[in-house]
């Protein structure tokens, strides 16, 4: 199988995993009677999986000096992920999985266009061309259609 096809399939499977995770987390909220504890369970299981991957990879533990030398905002990824998980736990039952994920993708696309256009956080600049903006507009139209 060509490498590009494998990469595309893995990205698609990642999408399936993301939406399934959100549905499971939303249901876990009701089972545990707590959105907060559902988020804790999600992150604890995820942490265990990533620790297992880190150990299996054989990568050395980063030094404190290297970790301390990174920009402060690089440490906020977990908080941003927690925000996503909590929003999903609350909003998937209200909006439905399709609408939530459609809105999620629109938010990602709009933020990506801004980050690319201005080359923020070390990204190479990619102008928000009319074609790229039209693509984002089509995603917004997709959300409208999904909601119907």
N, C-alpha and C. Protein backbone atom coordinates (compact mmCIF):
# COMPACT_ATOMS: atom_id res chain seq x y z
N UNK A 1 0.86 -1.17 0.00
CA UNK A 1 0.00 0.00 0.00
C UNK A 1 0.91 1.24 0.00
N UNK A 2 0.67 2.16 -0.91
CA UNK A 2 1.50 3.36 -0.93
C UNK A 2 1.41 4.13 0.38
N UNK A 3 2.49 4.80 0.73
CA UNK A 3 2.58 5.52 2.00
C UNK A 3 1.49 6.57 2.15
N UNK A 4 1.21 7.32 1.09
CA UNK A 4 0.20 8.37 1.18
C UNK A 4 -1.18 7.79 1.50
N UNK A 5 -1.52 6.68 0.88
CA UNK A 5 -2.82 6.04 1.14
C UNK A 5 -2.90 5.60 2.59
N UNK A 6 -1.82 5.03 3.11
CA UNK A 6 -1.79 4.62 4.51
C UNK A 6 -1.96 5.81 5.44
N UNK A 7 -1.30 6.92 5.12
CA UNK A 7 -1.41 8.12 5.94
C UNK A 7 -2.85 8.64 5.93
N UNK A 8 -3.47 8.66 4.76
CA UNK A 8 -4.86 9.12 4.65
C UNK A 8 -5.78 8.21 5.45
N UNK A 9 -5.59 6.91 5.35
CA UNK A 9 -6.42 5.97 6.11
C UNK A 9 -6.23 6.14 7.61
N UNK A 10 -4.99 6.32 8.04
CA UNK A 10 -4.74 6.54 9.47
C UNK A 10 -5.40 7.82 9.95
N UNK A 11 -5.36 8.87 9.16
CA UNK A 11 -6.02 10.13 9.54
C UNK A 11 -7.52 9.91 9.65
N UNK A 12 -8.10 9.17 8.73
CA UNK A 12 -9.54 8.90 8.77
C UNK A 12 -9.90 8.06 10.00
N UNK A 13 -9.08 7.07 10.31
CA UNK A 13 -9.32 6.24 11.50
C UNK A 13 -9.19 7.10 12.76
N UNK A 14 -8.25 8.06 12.74
CA UNK A 14 -8.13 9.00 13.86
C UNK A 14 -9.41 9.80 14.04
N UNK A 15 -10.04 10.18 12.94
CA UNK A 15 -11.32 10.88 13.01
C UNK A 15 -12.41 10.01 13.61
N UNK A 16 -12.44 8.76 13.22
CA UNK A 16 -13.41 7.81 13.79
C UNK A 16 -13.18 7.69 15.29
N UNK A 17 -11.90 7.58 15.67
CA UNK A 17 -11.58 7.46 17.10
C UNK A 17 -12.00 8.70 17.87
N UNK A 18 -11.78 9.87 17.28
CA UNK A 18 -12.11 11.13 17.98
C UNK A 18 -13.61 11.24 18.25
N UNK A 19 -14.43 10.97 17.25
CA UNK A 19 -15.88 11.10 17.46
C UNK A 19 -16.39 9.99 18.39
N UNK A 20 -15.84 8.79 18.25
CA UNK A 20 -16.25 7.69 19.14
C UNK A 20 -15.88 8.01 20.58
N UNK A 21 -14.69 8.58 20.77
CA UNK A 21 -14.26 8.98 22.11
C UNK A 21 -15.26 9.96 22.72
N UNK A 22 -15.70 10.91 21.94
CA UNK A 22 -16.60 11.94 22.47
C UNK A 22 -17.95 11.34 22.86
N UNK A 23 -18.43 10.42 22.05
CA UNK A 23 -19.70 9.75 22.38
C UNK A 23 -19.54 8.93 23.65
N UNK A 24 -18.44 8.18 23.74
CA UNK A 24 -18.19 7.38 24.95
C UNK A 24 -18.06 8.27 26.18
N UNK A 25 -17.32 9.38 26.06
CA UNK A 25 -17.15 10.29 27.20
C UNK A 25 -18.48 10.91 27.63
N UNK A 26 -19.31 11.27 26.65
CA UNK A 26 -20.62 11.83 26.99
C UNK A 26 -21.48 10.81 27.73
N UNK A 27 -21.43 9.56 27.28
CA UNK A 27 -22.18 8.51 27.96
C UNK A 27 -21.60 8.21 29.34
N UNK A 28 -20.27 8.28 29.45
CA UNK A 28 -19.62 8.05 30.75
C UNK A 28 -20.03 9.13 31.73
N UNK A 29 -20.26 10.33 31.25
CA UNK A 29 -20.74 11.43 32.11
C UNK A 29 -22.01 11.01 32.84
N UNK A 30 -22.94 10.42 32.09
CA UNK A 30 -24.20 10.01 32.70
C UNK A 30 -24.01 8.79 33.60
N UNK A 31 -23.15 7.88 33.19
CA UNK A 31 -22.92 6.68 34.02
C UNK A 31 -22.28 7.04 35.35
N UNK A 32 -21.36 8.02 35.34
CA UNK A 32 -20.67 8.42 36.57
C UNK A 32 -21.38 9.57 37.28
N UNK A 33 -22.37 10.14 36.62
CA UNK A 33 -23.10 11.30 37.12
C UNK A 33 -22.17 12.49 37.37
N UNK A 34 -21.16 12.62 36.49
CA UNK A 34 -20.20 13.70 36.66
C UNK A 34 -19.43 13.92 35.36
N UNK A 35 -19.53 15.13 34.82
CA UNK A 35 -18.73 15.47 33.65
C UNK A 35 -17.25 15.52 34.02
N UNK A 36 -16.95 16.06 35.19
CA UNK A 36 -15.56 16.20 35.61
C UNK A 36 -14.89 14.83 35.73
N UNK A 37 -15.56 13.88 36.38
CA UNK A 37 -14.96 12.56 36.55
C UNK A 37 -14.88 11.80 35.24
N UNK A 38 -15.81 12.04 34.33
CA UNK A 38 -15.72 11.42 33.01
C UNK A 38 -14.46 11.94 32.30
N UNK A 39 -14.19 13.23 32.44
CA UNK A 39 -12.97 13.80 31.86
C UNK A 39 -11.73 13.23 32.51
N UNK A 40 -11.74 13.06 33.82
CA UNK A 40 -10.60 12.48 34.52
C UNK A 40 -10.33 11.06 34.03
N UNK A 41 -11.38 10.27 33.89
CA UNK A 41 -11.21 8.90 33.41
C UNK A 41 -10.63 8.91 32.00
N UNK A 42 -11.17 9.77 31.14
CA UNK A 42 -10.67 9.85 29.77
C UNK A 42 -9.18 10.19 29.74
N UNK A 43 -8.79 11.18 30.52
CA UNK A 43 -7.38 11.58 30.54
C UNK A 43 -6.50 10.55 31.23
N UNK A 44 -6.98 9.89 32.26
CA UNK A 44 -6.18 8.89 32.96
C UNK A 44 -5.88 7.70 32.05
N UNK A 45 -6.89 7.23 31.34
CA UNK A 45 -6.69 6.12 30.41
C UNK A 45 -5.77 6.56 29.27
N UNK A 46 -6.01 7.78 28.76
CA UNK A 46 -5.14 8.30 27.71
C UNK A 46 -3.70 8.44 28.17
N UNK A 47 -3.51 8.95 29.39
CA UNK A 47 -2.17 9.08 29.94
C UNK A 47 -1.48 7.73 30.04
N UNK A 48 -2.19 6.72 30.50
CA UNK A 48 -1.61 5.37 30.61
C UNK A 48 -1.18 4.86 29.23
N UNK A 49 -1.99 5.13 28.21
CA UNK A 49 -1.65 4.70 26.86
C UNK A 49 -0.41 5.42 26.33
N UNK A 50 -0.33 6.72 26.56
CA UNK A 50 0.81 7.50 26.06
C UNK A 50 2.07 7.16 26.84
N UNK A 51 1.98 6.91 28.14
CA UNK A 51 3.14 6.48 28.91
C UNK A 51 3.64 5.14 28.38
N UNK A 52 2.74 4.22 28.10
CA UNK A 52 3.14 2.92 27.54
C UNK A 52 3.84 3.12 26.19
N UNK A 53 3.33 4.01 25.36
CA UNK A 53 3.97 4.30 24.07
C UNK A 53 5.36 4.90 24.27
N UNK A 54 5.48 5.84 25.21
CA UNK A 54 6.78 6.48 25.47
C UNK A 54 7.79 5.44 25.96
N UNK A 55 7.36 4.56 26.84
CA UNK A 55 8.27 3.52 27.34
C UNK A 55 8.65 2.54 26.23
N UNK A 56 7.68 2.16 25.42
CA UNK A 56 7.94 1.21 24.33
C UNK A 56 8.84 1.82 23.26
N UNK A 57 8.77 3.14 23.08
CA UNK A 57 9.57 3.79 22.04
C UNK A 57 11.06 3.80 22.38
N UNK A 58 11.37 3.74 23.66
CA UNK A 58 12.76 3.80 24.08
C UNK A 58 13.33 5.20 24.08
N UNK A 59 12.49 6.20 23.81
CA UNK A 59 12.96 7.59 23.84
C UNK A 59 13.41 7.94 25.26
N UNK A 60 14.53 8.66 25.37
CA UNK A 60 14.97 9.05 26.72
C UNK A 60 14.04 10.11 27.31
N UNK A 61 13.96 10.12 28.61
CA UNK A 61 13.17 11.13 29.32
C UNK A 61 13.83 12.49 29.11
N UNK A 62 13.06 13.50 28.67
CA UNK A 62 13.68 14.83 28.48
C UNK A 62 14.22 15.37 29.79
N UNK A 63 15.31 16.08 29.71
CA UNK A 63 15.92 16.65 30.91
C UNK A 63 15.09 17.83 31.40
N UNK A 64 15.24 18.14 32.68
CA UNK A 64 14.55 19.28 33.26
C UNK A 64 14.99 20.57 32.59
N UNK A 65 16.26 20.68 32.27
CA UNK A 65 16.79 21.90 31.64
C UNK A 65 16.15 22.11 30.27
N UNK A 66 15.99 21.05 29.50
CA UNK A 66 15.36 21.16 28.19
C UNK A 66 13.90 21.55 28.35
N UNK A 67 13.21 20.89 29.27
CA UNK A 67 11.80 21.19 29.51
C UNK A 67 11.62 22.63 29.98
N UNK A 68 12.48 23.07 30.84
CA UNK A 68 12.40 24.43 31.37
C UNK A 68 12.67 25.48 30.31
N UNK A 69 13.44 25.13 29.29
CA UNK A 69 13.81 26.06 28.24
C UNK A 69 12.76 26.25 27.16
N UNK A 70 11.64 25.55 27.26
CA UNK A 70 10.60 25.68 26.23
C UNK A 70 9.71 26.87 26.54
N UNK A 71 9.03 27.34 25.52
CA UNK A 71 8.09 28.46 25.69
C UNK A 71 6.93 28.03 26.58
N UNK A 72 6.43 28.95 27.38
CA UNK A 72 5.36 28.66 28.34
C UNK A 72 4.12 28.10 27.65
N UNK A 73 3.79 28.62 26.47
CA UNK A 73 2.54 28.21 25.82
C UNK A 73 2.58 26.77 25.32
N UNK A 74 3.78 26.19 25.16
CA UNK A 74 3.85 24.80 24.74
C UNK A 74 3.30 23.85 25.81
N UNK A 75 3.22 24.34 27.03
CA UNK A 75 2.73 23.52 28.14
C UNK A 75 1.21 23.56 28.26
N UNK A 76 0.54 24.34 27.44
CA UNK A 76 -0.92 24.48 27.56
C UNK A 76 -1.70 23.47 26.72
N UNK A 77 -1.01 22.63 25.96
CA UNK A 77 -1.70 21.66 25.11
C UNK A 77 -2.67 20.77 25.88
N UNK A 78 -2.26 20.31 27.04
CA UNK A 78 -3.14 19.46 27.84
C UNK A 78 -4.38 20.20 28.30
N UNK A 79 -4.21 21.47 28.66
CA UNK A 79 -5.37 22.27 29.08
C UNK A 79 -6.32 22.50 27.91
N UNK A 80 -5.76 22.73 26.72
CA UNK A 80 -6.61 22.89 25.54
C UNK A 80 -7.33 21.59 25.22
N UNK A 81 -6.64 20.48 25.36
CA UNK A 81 -7.27 19.18 25.16
C UNK A 81 -8.37 18.92 26.18
N UNK A 82 -8.12 19.32 27.43
CA UNK A 82 -9.14 19.15 28.47
C UNK A 82 -10.37 19.99 28.16
N UNK A 83 -10.15 21.21 27.66
CA UNK A 83 -11.28 22.06 27.26
C UNK A 83 -12.11 21.36 26.18
N UNK A 84 -11.43 20.79 25.20
CA UNK A 84 -12.14 20.05 24.14
C UNK A 84 -12.94 18.88 24.71
N UNK A 85 -12.32 18.10 25.57
CA UNK A 85 -13.00 16.94 26.15
C UNK A 85 -14.23 17.38 26.94
N UNK A 86 -14.10 18.38 27.78
CA UNK A 86 -15.22 18.85 28.59
C UNK A 86 -16.33 19.42 27.71
N UNK A 87 -15.96 20.20 26.70
CA UNK A 87 -16.99 20.73 25.78
C UNK A 87 -17.73 19.59 25.09
N UNK A 88 -16.99 18.58 24.68
CA UNK A 88 -17.63 17.44 24.02
C UNK A 88 -18.56 16.70 24.98
N UNK A 89 -18.11 16.52 26.22
CA UNK A 89 -18.95 15.82 27.20
C UNK A 89 -20.27 16.55 27.40
N UNK A 90 -20.24 17.87 27.42
CA UNK A 90 -21.46 18.65 27.60
C UNK A 90 -22.27 18.81 26.32
N UNK A 91 -21.60 18.98 25.19
CA UNK A 91 -22.30 19.39 23.97
C UNK A 91 -22.73 18.25 23.04
N UNK A 92 -22.04 17.12 23.04
CA UNK A 92 -22.45 16.00 22.17
C UNK A 92 -23.89 15.57 22.47
N UNK A 93 -24.29 15.44 23.74
CA UNK A 93 -25.69 15.06 23.98
C UNK A 93 -26.69 16.12 23.52
N UNK A 94 -26.30 17.38 23.53
CA UNK A 94 -27.22 18.46 23.14
C UNK A 94 -27.26 18.67 21.63
N UNK A 95 -26.10 18.61 20.99
CA UNK A 95 -26.01 18.90 19.56
C UNK A 95 -26.07 17.65 18.68
N UNK A 96 -25.68 16.52 19.24
CA UNK A 96 -25.48 15.31 18.44
C UNK A 96 -24.03 15.24 18.02
N UNK A 97 -23.56 14.04 17.76
CA UNK A 97 -22.15 13.85 17.41
C UNK A 97 -21.80 14.54 16.10
N UNK A 98 -22.65 14.41 15.09
CA UNK A 98 -22.33 14.97 13.76
C UNK A 98 -22.20 16.50 13.82
N UNK A 99 -23.14 17.16 14.47
CA UNK A 99 -23.08 18.62 14.54
C UNK A 99 -21.89 19.07 15.37
N UNK A 100 -21.64 18.41 16.50
CA UNK A 100 -20.49 18.79 17.32
C UNK A 100 -19.19 18.67 16.54
N UNK A 101 -19.00 17.54 15.87
CA UNK A 101 -17.76 17.32 15.13
C UNK A 101 -17.67 18.29 13.95
N UNK A 102 -18.80 18.56 13.28
CA UNK A 102 -18.78 19.53 12.18
C UNK A 102 -18.35 20.90 12.68
N UNK A 103 -18.89 21.33 13.80
CA UNK A 103 -18.50 22.63 14.38
C UNK A 103 -17.03 22.61 14.83
N UNK A 104 -16.62 21.49 15.37
CA UNK A 104 -15.23 21.30 15.79
C UNK A 104 -14.29 21.47 14.59
N UNK A 105 -14.64 20.84 13.47
CA UNK A 105 -13.81 20.93 12.27
C UNK A 105 -13.79 22.36 11.73
N UNK A 106 -14.94 23.04 11.76
CA UNK A 106 -14.98 24.44 11.31
C UNK A 106 -14.07 25.30 12.20
N UNK A 107 -14.15 25.10 13.50
CA UNK A 107 -13.27 25.84 14.40
C UNK A 107 -11.80 25.56 14.12
N UNK A 108 -11.47 24.30 13.88
CA UNK A 108 -10.10 23.93 13.55
C UNK A 108 -9.66 24.60 12.25
N UNK A 109 -10.53 24.58 11.24
CA UNK A 109 -10.17 25.15 9.95
C UNK A 109 -9.97 26.66 10.04
N UNK A 110 -10.87 27.35 10.72
CA UNK A 110 -10.73 28.80 10.83
C UNK A 110 -9.47 29.17 11.60
N UNK A 111 -9.21 28.47 12.70
CA UNK A 111 -7.98 28.73 13.46
C UNK A 111 -6.75 28.38 12.63
N UNK A 112 -6.82 27.31 11.88
CA UNK A 112 -5.69 26.90 11.05
C UNK A 112 -5.38 27.93 9.97
N UNK A 113 -6.44 28.49 9.38
CA UNK A 113 -6.23 29.53 8.36
C UNK A 113 -5.51 30.74 8.96
N UNK A 114 -5.92 31.15 10.15
CA UNK A 114 -5.27 32.29 10.81
C UNK A 114 -3.82 31.96 11.17
N UNK A 115 -3.60 30.79 11.77
CA UNK A 115 -2.25 30.39 12.15
C UNK A 115 -1.33 30.31 10.94
N UNK A 116 -1.84 29.70 9.85
CA UNK A 116 -1.05 29.60 8.61
C UNK A 116 -0.80 30.97 7.99
N UNK A 117 -1.83 31.77 7.89
CA UNK A 117 -1.72 33.06 7.21
C UNK A 117 -0.66 33.95 7.85
N UNK A 118 -0.64 33.98 9.18
CA UNK A 118 0.30 34.84 9.88
C UNK A 118 1.59 34.12 10.30
N UNK A 119 1.66 32.81 10.04
CA UNK A 119 2.85 32.05 10.42
C UNK A 119 3.07 32.04 11.92
N UNK A 120 1.99 31.91 12.67
CA UNK A 120 2.08 31.97 14.13
C UNK A 120 2.70 30.70 14.71
N UNK A 121 3.33 30.86 15.86
CA UNK A 121 3.92 29.76 16.64
C UNK A 121 4.90 28.93 15.82
N UNK A 122 5.63 29.58 14.94
CA UNK A 122 6.68 28.90 14.19
C UNK A 122 6.24 28.23 12.90
N UNK A 123 4.97 28.37 12.55
CA UNK A 123 4.51 27.77 11.30
C UNK A 123 5.03 28.57 10.11
N UNK A 124 5.22 27.88 9.00
CA UNK A 124 5.55 28.55 7.75
C UNK A 124 4.29 29.27 7.27
N UNK A 125 4.45 30.46 6.72
CA UNK A 125 3.29 31.22 6.26
C UNK A 125 2.68 30.60 5.01
N UNK A 126 1.35 30.51 5.03
CA UNK A 126 0.56 30.08 3.87
C UNK A 126 -0.62 31.05 3.82
N UNK A 127 -0.65 31.86 2.79
CA UNK A 127 -1.66 32.92 2.69
C UNK A 127 -3.07 32.35 2.68
N UNK A 128 -3.99 33.09 3.29
CA UNK A 128 -5.42 32.74 3.27
C UNK A 128 -5.97 33.18 1.92
N UNK A 129 -5.68 32.39 0.90
CA UNK A 129 -6.08 32.72 -0.46
C UNK A 129 -7.59 32.61 -0.62
N UNK A 130 -8.12 33.19 -1.68
CA UNK A 130 -9.56 33.05 -1.93
C UNK A 130 -10.02 31.60 -2.01
N UNK A 131 -9.19 30.73 -2.57
CA UNK A 131 -9.56 29.31 -2.67
C UNK A 131 -9.63 28.68 -1.27
N UNK A 132 -8.66 28.99 -0.42
CA UNK A 132 -8.67 28.44 0.94
C UNK A 132 -9.87 28.98 1.72
N UNK A 133 -10.16 30.26 1.56
CA UNK A 133 -11.32 30.86 2.24
C UNK A 133 -12.62 30.26 1.73
N UNK A 134 -12.68 29.96 0.44
CA UNK A 134 -13.88 29.31 -0.12
C UNK A 134 -14.05 27.91 0.49
N UNK A 135 -12.93 27.21 0.67
CA UNK A 135 -12.99 25.89 1.32
C UNK A 135 -13.54 25.98 2.73
N UNK A 136 -13.10 27.00 3.47
CA UNK A 136 -13.62 27.20 4.83
C UNK A 136 -15.10 27.54 4.79
N UNK A 137 -15.51 28.36 3.81
CA UNK A 137 -16.93 28.71 3.68
C UNK A 137 -17.77 27.46 3.38
N UNK A 138 -17.22 26.56 2.58
CA UNK A 138 -17.94 25.31 2.29
C UNK A 138 -18.09 24.45 3.55
N UNK A 139 -17.07 24.48 4.42
CA UNK A 139 -17.19 23.76 5.69
C UNK A 139 -18.31 24.34 6.54
N UNK A 140 -18.38 25.67 6.59
CA UNK A 140 -19.47 26.32 7.34
C UNK A 140 -20.82 25.92 6.73
N UNK A 141 -20.91 25.91 5.41
CA UNK A 141 -22.14 25.46 4.75
C UNK A 141 -22.46 24.02 5.12
N UNK A 142 -21.43 23.21 5.25
CA UNK A 142 -21.63 21.82 5.66
C UNK A 142 -22.24 21.72 7.04
N UNK A 143 -21.83 22.59 7.95
CA UNK A 143 -22.42 22.60 9.30
C UNK A 143 -23.92 22.92 9.21
N UNK A 144 -24.25 23.90 8.40
CA UNK A 144 -25.66 24.26 8.23
C UNK A 144 -26.45 23.07 7.71
N UNK A 145 -25.89 22.35 6.75
CA UNK A 145 -26.56 21.18 6.18
C UNK A 145 -26.66 20.03 7.18
N UNK A 146 -25.62 19.83 7.98
CA UNK A 146 -25.64 18.77 8.99
C UNK A 146 -26.72 19.03 10.04
N UNK A 147 -26.93 20.29 10.38
CA UNK A 147 -27.93 20.67 11.40
C UNK A 147 -29.36 20.43 10.93
N UNK A 148 -29.59 20.36 9.66
CA UNK A 148 -30.97 20.21 9.12
C UNK A 148 -31.47 18.81 9.31
